[in-house]
Amino acid sequence: MDLKDIQNLIKFVAKSGASEVKLETEDVKITIKTGPDTETTYVQHMPMTTQMPHMQMQAAQPPVAGAPEASVAEAAATAAAKEDAKYITIKSPIIGTFYRKPSPDKPLFVEVGQTIAEGDVLCIIEAMKLFNEIESEVSGKVVKILVDDSSPVEFDQPLFLVDPS
C-alpha cells in the first residue's frame, strides 16, 4: 500500500463520518481515528519473514493557516490544487465505476501526454449496468489521470487534468 492509497483512505474515512477504521493486510496495519478536532493515522509495516516488534508511526498534522484542524489529506489536496491550478479539470458527471478501456482486450481511451480534441471519448463510467462514454468538453493535452481503472467514482469527482495550451 503506497502513500497515495493511504491518503485516499484517510479522505474516505473523513467523508464517511466513521470514528475509527482499522485495515490490516499481510504487510501493513492501518488505524484511522477521527474526532471533532483530530484525525490520527497509524501505519505499521509488518515484515512477512520476521516476527520483530513493529514500528508505529503517527502522521502529524501540518500547520495550515486559518485551519489548525486540517488533516494530512486536506493539506496534500491543497498543495496539489495550487500546483494544478493552470490545468482544466474534467470531472465525473455521474456516480459509477471508472474504466479506462472499452473492454479488457481493447487499448486505453487516453494516456498521459496524449493530445485530445473536444468530443473525444476519455473513459467509460458504468452506472447501474449502463456504460456511459465520457467525452471531452475541451481540447488539449492530458497531464494527469486522477482515478485508477475499475475504481468507484462520485459525482463531480475530478478524473483528468488537461493542459489547454
C-alpha atoms as a PDB file:
ATOM      1  CA  MET A   1       0.000   0.000   0.000  1.00  0.00           C
ATOM      2  CA  ASP A   2       1.587   3.283  -1.053  1.00  0.00           C
ATOM      3  CA  LEU A   3       1.179   6.818   0.285  1.00  0.00           C
ATOM      4  CA  LYS A   4      -1.480   7.723  -2.287  1.00  0.00           C
ATOM      5  CA  ASP A   5      -3.647   4.772  -1.207  1.00  0.00           C
ATOM      6  CA  ILE A   6      -3.292   5.796   2.451  1.00  0.00           C
ATOM      7  CA  GLN A   7      -4.232   9.408   1.645  1.00  0.00           C
ATOM      8  CA  ASN A   8      -7.292   8.231  -0.302  1.00  0.00           C
ATOM      9  CA  LEU A   9      -8.289   6.030   2.639  1.00  0.00           C
ATOM     10  CA  ILE A  10      -7.969   8.998   5.025  1.00  0.00           C
ATOM     11  CA  LYS A  11     -10.173  11.115   2.730  1.00  0.00           C
ATOM     12  CA  PHE A  12     -12.760   8.349   2.509  1.00  0.00           C
ATOM     13  CA  VAL A  13     -12.877   7.865   6.290  1.00  0.00           C
ATOM     14  CA  ALA A  14     -13.168  11.624   6.880  1.00  0.00           C
ATOM     15  CA  LYS A  15     -16.106  11.871   4.462  1.00  0.00           C
ATOM     16  CA  SER A  16     -17.833   8.749   5.793  1.00  0.00           C
ATOM     17  CA  GLY A  17     -18.232  10.080   9.325  1.00  0.00           C
ATOM     18  CA  ALA A  18     -16.808   6.910  10.892  1.00  0.00           C
ATOM     19  CA  SER A  19     -14.979   7.481  14.169  1.00  0.00           C
ATOM     20  CA  GLU A  20     -12.450   4.661  13.738  1.00  0.00           C
ATOM     21  CA  VAL A  21     -11.352   2.366  10.916  1.00  0.00           C
ATOM     22  CA  LYS A  22      -8.790  -0.434  11.071  1.00  0.00           C
ATOM     23  CA  LEU A  23      -7.276  -2.083   7.992  1.00  0.00           C
ATOM     24  CA  GLU A  24      -4.837  -4.957   8.196  1.00  0.00           C
ATOM     25  CA  THR A  25      -3.104  -6.772   5.345  1.00  0.00           C
ATOM     26  CA  GLU A  26      -0.134  -9.132   5.334  1.00  0.00           C
ATOM     27  CA  ASP A  27       2.382  -6.289   5.349  1.00  0.00           C
ATOM     28  CA  VAL A  28       0.542  -3.171   6.587  1.00  0.00           C
ATOM     29  CA  LYS A  29      -1.696  -2.388   9.545  1.00  0.00           C
ATOM     30  CA  ILE A  30      -3.512   0.979   9.499  1.00  0.00           C
ATOM     31  CA  THR A  31      -5.742   2.547  12.154  1.00  0.00           C
ATOM     32  CA  ILE A  32      -7.511   5.829  11.426  1.00  0.00           C
ATOM     33  CA  LYS A  33      -9.334   7.571  14.256  1.00  0.00           C
ATOM     34  CA  THR A  34     -11.346  10.702  13.654  1.00  0.00           C
ATOM     35  CA  GLY A  35     -12.916  13.075  16.099  1.00  0.00           C
ATOM     36  CA  PRO A  36     -14.216  16.633  16.181  1.00  0.00           C
ATOM     37  CA  ASP A  37     -10.717  18.180  16.262  1.00  0.00           C
ATOM     38  CA  THR A  38      -8.333  15.407  15.235  1.00  0.00           C
ATOM     39  CA  GLU A  39      -7.610  12.848  12.612  1.00  0.00           C
ATOM     40  CA  THR A  40      -4.936  10.335  13.556  1.00  0.00           C
ATOM     41  CA  THR A  41      -3.406   7.750  11.278  1.00  0.00           C
ATOM     42  CA  TYR A  42      -1.202   4.922  12.491  1.00  0.00           C
ATOM     43  CA  VAL A  43       0.715   2.834   9.969  1.00  0.00           C
ATOM     44  CA  GLN A  44       2.620  -0.310  10.838  1.00  0.00           C
ATOM     45  CA  HIS A  45       4.834  -2.113   8.358  1.00  0.00           C
ATOM     46  CA  MET A  46       4.811  -5.795   9.173  1.00  0.00           C
ATOM     47  CA  PRO A  47       7.677  -7.787   7.589  1.00  0.00           C
ATOM     48  CA  MET A  48       6.440 -11.139   6.365  1.00  0.00           C
ATOM     49  CA  THR A  49       9.612 -13.120   7.223  1.00  0.00           C
ATOM     50  CA  THR A  50      10.327 -11.994  10.786  1.00  0.00           C
ATOM     51  CA  GLN A  51       8.325 -11.578  13.954  1.00  0.00           C
ATOM     52  CA  MET A  52      10.174  -8.479  15.216  1.00  0.00           C
ATOM     53  CA  PRO A  53       8.400  -5.682  17.118  1.00  0.00           C
ATOM     54  CA  HIS A  54       6.794  -3.283  14.687  1.00  0.00           C
ATOM     55  CA  MET A  55       7.392   0.409  14.471  1.00  0.00           C
ATOM     56  CA  GLN A  56       4.368   2.608  14.796  1.00  0.00           C
ATOM     57  CA  MET A  57       4.223   5.986  13.084  1.00  0.00           C
ATOM     58  CA  GLN A  58       1.723   8.728  13.706  1.00  0.00           C
ATOM     59  CA  ALA A  59       1.018  11.155  10.892  1.00  0.00           C
ATOM     60  CA  ALA A  60       1.456  14.635  12.269  1.00  0.00           C
ATOM     61  CA  GLN A  61      -0.899  17.356  11.198  1.00  0.00           C
ATOM     62  CA  PRO A  62       0.929  20.119   9.332  1.00  0.00           C
ATOM     63  CA  PRO A  63       0.065  23.686  10.313  1.00  0.00           C
ATOM     64  CA  VAL A  64      -2.251  25.250   7.755  1.00  0.00           C
ATOM     65  CA  ALA A  65      -3.012  28.953   8.019  1.00  0.00           C
ATOM     66  CA  GLY A  66      -6.589  29.530   9.149  1.00  0.00           C
ATOM     67  CA  ALA A  67      -7.342  25.834   9.657  1.00  0.00           C
ATOM     68  CA  PRO A  68      -5.384  24.286  12.538  1.00  0.00           C
ATOM     69  CA  GLU A  69      -7.549  21.162  12.497  1.00  0.00           C
ATOM     70  CA  ALA A  70      -6.761  20.381   8.825  1.00  0.00           C
ATOM     71  CA  SER A  71      -5.856  16.758   8.161  1.00  0.00           C
ATOM     72  CA  VAL A  72      -2.864  15.417   6.287  1.00  0.00           C
ATOM     73  CA  ALA A  73      -5.119  14.573   3.334  1.00  0.00           C
ATOM     74  CA  GLU A  74      -6.565  18.089   3.179  1.00  0.00           C
ATOM     75  CA  ALA A  75      -3.072  19.627   3.242  1.00  0.00           C
ATOM     76  CA  ALA A  76      -1.945  17.339   0.431  1.00  0.00           C
ATOM     77  CA  ALA A  77      -5.053  18.178  -1.598  1.00  0.00           C
ATOM     78  CA  THR A  78      -4.454  21.916  -1.105  1.00  0.00           C
ATOM     79  CA  ALA A  79      -0.853  21.634  -2.278  1.00  0.00           C
ATOM     80  CA  ALA A  80      -1.898  19.617  -5.325  1.00  0.00           C
ATOM     81  CA  ALA A  81      -4.667  22.100  -6.151  1.00  0.00           C
ATOM     82  CA  LYS A  82      -2.196  25.016  -6.207  1.00  0.00           C
ATOM     83  CA  GLU A  83       0.127  23.066  -8.491  1.00  0.00           C
ATOM     84  CA  ASP A  84      -2.681  22.016 -10.854  1.00  0.00           C
ATOM     85  CA  ALA A  85      -4.498  25.387 -10.990  1.00  0.00           C
ATOM     86  CA  LYS A  86      -3.331  26.099 -14.543  1.00  0.00           C
ATOM     87  CA  TYR A  87      -4.994  22.923 -15.851  1.00  0.00           C
ATOM     88  CA  ILE A  88      -8.627  22.221 -16.697  1.00  0.00           C
ATOM     89  CA  THR A  89     -10.192  19.511 -14.549  1.00  0.00           C
ATOM     90  CA  ILE A  90     -12.562  17.067 -16.212  1.00  0.00           C
ATOM     91  CA  LYS A  91     -14.986  15.771 -13.589  1.00  0.00           C
ATOM     92  CA  SER A  92     -17.326  12.812 -13.390  1.00  0.00           C
ATOM     93  CA  PRO A  93     -20.886  13.697 -14.405  1.00  0.00           C
ATOM     94  CA  ILE A  94     -22.310  10.640 -12.604  1.00  0.00           C
ATOM     95  CA  ILE A  95     -21.687   8.112  -9.827  1.00  0.00           C
ATOM     96  CA  GLY A  96     -20.364   4.770 -11.019  1.00  0.00           C
ATOM     97  CA  THR A  97     -17.289   2.700 -11.830  1.00  0.00           C
ATOM     98  CA  PHE A  98     -14.498   4.307 -13.878  1.00  0.00           C
ATOM     99  CA  TYR A  99     -12.985   2.337 -16.784  1.00  0.00           C
ATOM    100  CA  ARG A 100     -10.084   3.480 -18.963  1.00  0.00           C
ATOM    101  CA  LYS A 101     -10.791   0.926 -21.747  1.00  0.00           C
ATOM    102  CA  PRO A 102     -13.938  -0.058 -23.652  1.00  0.00           C
ATOM    103  CA  SER A 103     -13.232  -3.718 -22.792  1.00  0.00           C
ATOM    104  CA  PRO A 104     -10.367  -5.682 -21.211  1.00  0.00           C
ATOM    105  CA  ASP A 105      -8.860  -6.629 -24.588  1.00  0.00           C
ATOM    106  CA  LYS A 106      -9.049  -3.121 -26.106  1.00  0.00           C
ATOM    107  CA  PRO A 107      -6.491  -0.283 -25.804  1.00  0.00           C
ATOM    108  CA  LEU A 108      -6.878   2.622 -23.354  1.00  0.00           C
ATOM    109  CA  PHE A 109      -9.028   5.560 -24.450  1.00  0.00           C
ATOM    110  CA  VAL A 110      -6.361   8.112 -23.457  1.00  0.00           C
ATOM    111  CA  GLU A 111      -2.944   8.156 -21.835  1.00  0.00           C
ATOM    112  CA  VAL A 112      -0.920  10.847 -20.062  1.00  0.00           C
ATOM    113  CA  GLY A 113       0.746  13.083 -22.654  1.00  0.00           C
ATOM    114  CA  GLN A 114      -1.827  12.369 -25.359  1.00  0.00           C
ATOM    115  CA  THR A 115      -3.437  15.292 -27.190  1.00  0.00           C
ATOM    116  CA  ILE A 116      -7.239  15.204 -27.147  1.00  0.00           C
ATOM    117  CA  ALA A 117      -9.904  17.140 -29.028  1.00  0.00           C
ATOM    118  CA  GLU A 118     -13.358  18.214 -27.955  1.00  0.00           C
ATOM    119  CA  GLY A 119     -15.711  15.234 -28.235  1.00  0.00           C
ATOM    120  CA  ASP A 120     -13.028  12.535 -27.821  1.00  0.00           C
ATOM    121  CA  VAL A 121     -14.058   9.681 -25.513  1.00  0.00           C
ATOM    122  CA  LEU A 122     -11.873   9.758 -22.392  1.00  0.00           C
ATOM    123  CA  CYS A 123     -13.316   6.889 -20.352  1.00  0.00           C
ATOM    124  CA  ILE A 124     -16.438   4.912 -19.526  1.00  0.00           C
ATOM    125  CA  ILE A 125     -18.378   5.153 -16.298  1.00  0.00           C
ATOM    126  CA  GLU A 126     -20.630   2.214 -15.526  1.00  0.00           C
ATOM    127  CA  ALA A 127     -23.750   3.116 -13.581  1.00  0.00           C
ATOM    128  CA  MET A 128     -26.481   0.549 -12.915  1.00  0.00           C
ATOM    129  CA  LYS A 129     -25.227  -1.755 -15.709  1.00  0.00           C
ATOM    130  CA  LEU A 130     -25.207   1.115 -18.239  1.00  0.00           C
ATOM    131  CA  PHE A 131     -21.871   2.053 -19.774  1.00  0.00           C
ATOM    132  CA  ASN A 132     -21.658   5.818 -20.285  1.00  0.00           C
ATOM    133  CA  GLU A 133     -18.938   7.201 -22.550  1.00  0.00           C
ATOM    134  CA  ILE A 134     -17.458  10.368 -21.070  1.00  0.00           C
ATOM    135  CA  GLU A 135     -16.417  12.787 -23.797  1.00  0.00           C
ATOM    136  CA  SER A 136     -14.000  15.681 -23.501  1.00  0.00           C
ATOM    137  CA  GLU A 137     -15.503  19.161 -23.454  1.00  0.00           C
ATOM    138  CA  VAL A 138     -12.070  20.732 -24.075  1.00  0.00           C
ATOM    139  CA  SER A 139      -9.085  20.292 -26.367  1.00  0.00           C
ATOM    140  CA  GLY A 140      -5.578  19.953 -25.014  1.00  0.00           C
ATOM    141  CA  LYS A 141      -3.014  17.540 -23.636  1.00  0.00           C
ATOM    142  CA  VAL A 142      -3.801  15.019 -20.872  1.00  0.00           C
ATOM    143  CA  VAL A 143      -1.482  15.892 -17.981  1.00  0.00           C
ATOM    144  CA  LYS A 144      -2.749  13.565 -15.267  1.00  0.00           C
ATOM    145  CA  ILE A 145      -5.266  10.755 -14.816  1.00  0.00           C
ATOM    146  CA  LEU A 146      -6.594  11.080 -11.272  1.00  0.00           C
ATOM    147  CA  VAL A 147      -8.525   7.804 -10.929  1.00  0.00           C
ATOM    148  CA  ASP A 148      -7.346   4.208 -11.166  1.00  0.00           C
ATOM    149  CA  ASP A 149      -9.013   1.847 -13.617  1.00  0.00           C
ATOM    150  CA  SER A 150     -12.059  -0.031 -12.255  1.00  0.00           C
ATOM    151  CA  SER A 151     -12.381   2.372  -9.308  1.00  0.00           C
ATOM    152  CA  PRO A 152     -15.653   3.767  -7.972  1.00  0.00           C
ATOM    153  CA  VAL A 153     -16.177   7.483  -8.646  1.00  0.00           C
ATOM    154  CA  GLU A 154     -18.542  10.051  -7.179  1.00  0.00           C
ATOM    155  CA  PHE A 155     -20.482  12.804  -8.909  1.00  0.00           C
ATOM    156  CA  ASP A 156     -18.230  15.788  -9.642  1.00  0.00           C
ATOM    157  CA  GLN A 157     -15.057  13.854  -8.720  1.00  0.00           C
ATOM    158  CA  PRO A 158     -12.021  15.009 -10.741  1.00  0.00           C
ATOM    159  CA  LEU A 159     -10.979  12.407 -13.330  1.00  0.00           C
ATOM    160  CA  PHE A 160      -8.450  14.089 -15.636  1.00  0.00           C
ATOM    161  CA  LEU A 161      -6.265  17.189 -15.743  1.00  0.00           C
ATOM    162  CA  VAL A 162      -5.908  18.722 -19.213  1.00  0.00           C
ATOM    163  CA  ASP A 163      -3.469  21.424 -20.306  1.00  0.00           C
ATOM    164  CA  PRO A 164      -5.453  23.579 -22.757  1.00  0.00           C
ATOM    165  CA  SER A 165      -2.379  25.327 -24.218  1.00  0.00           C
END
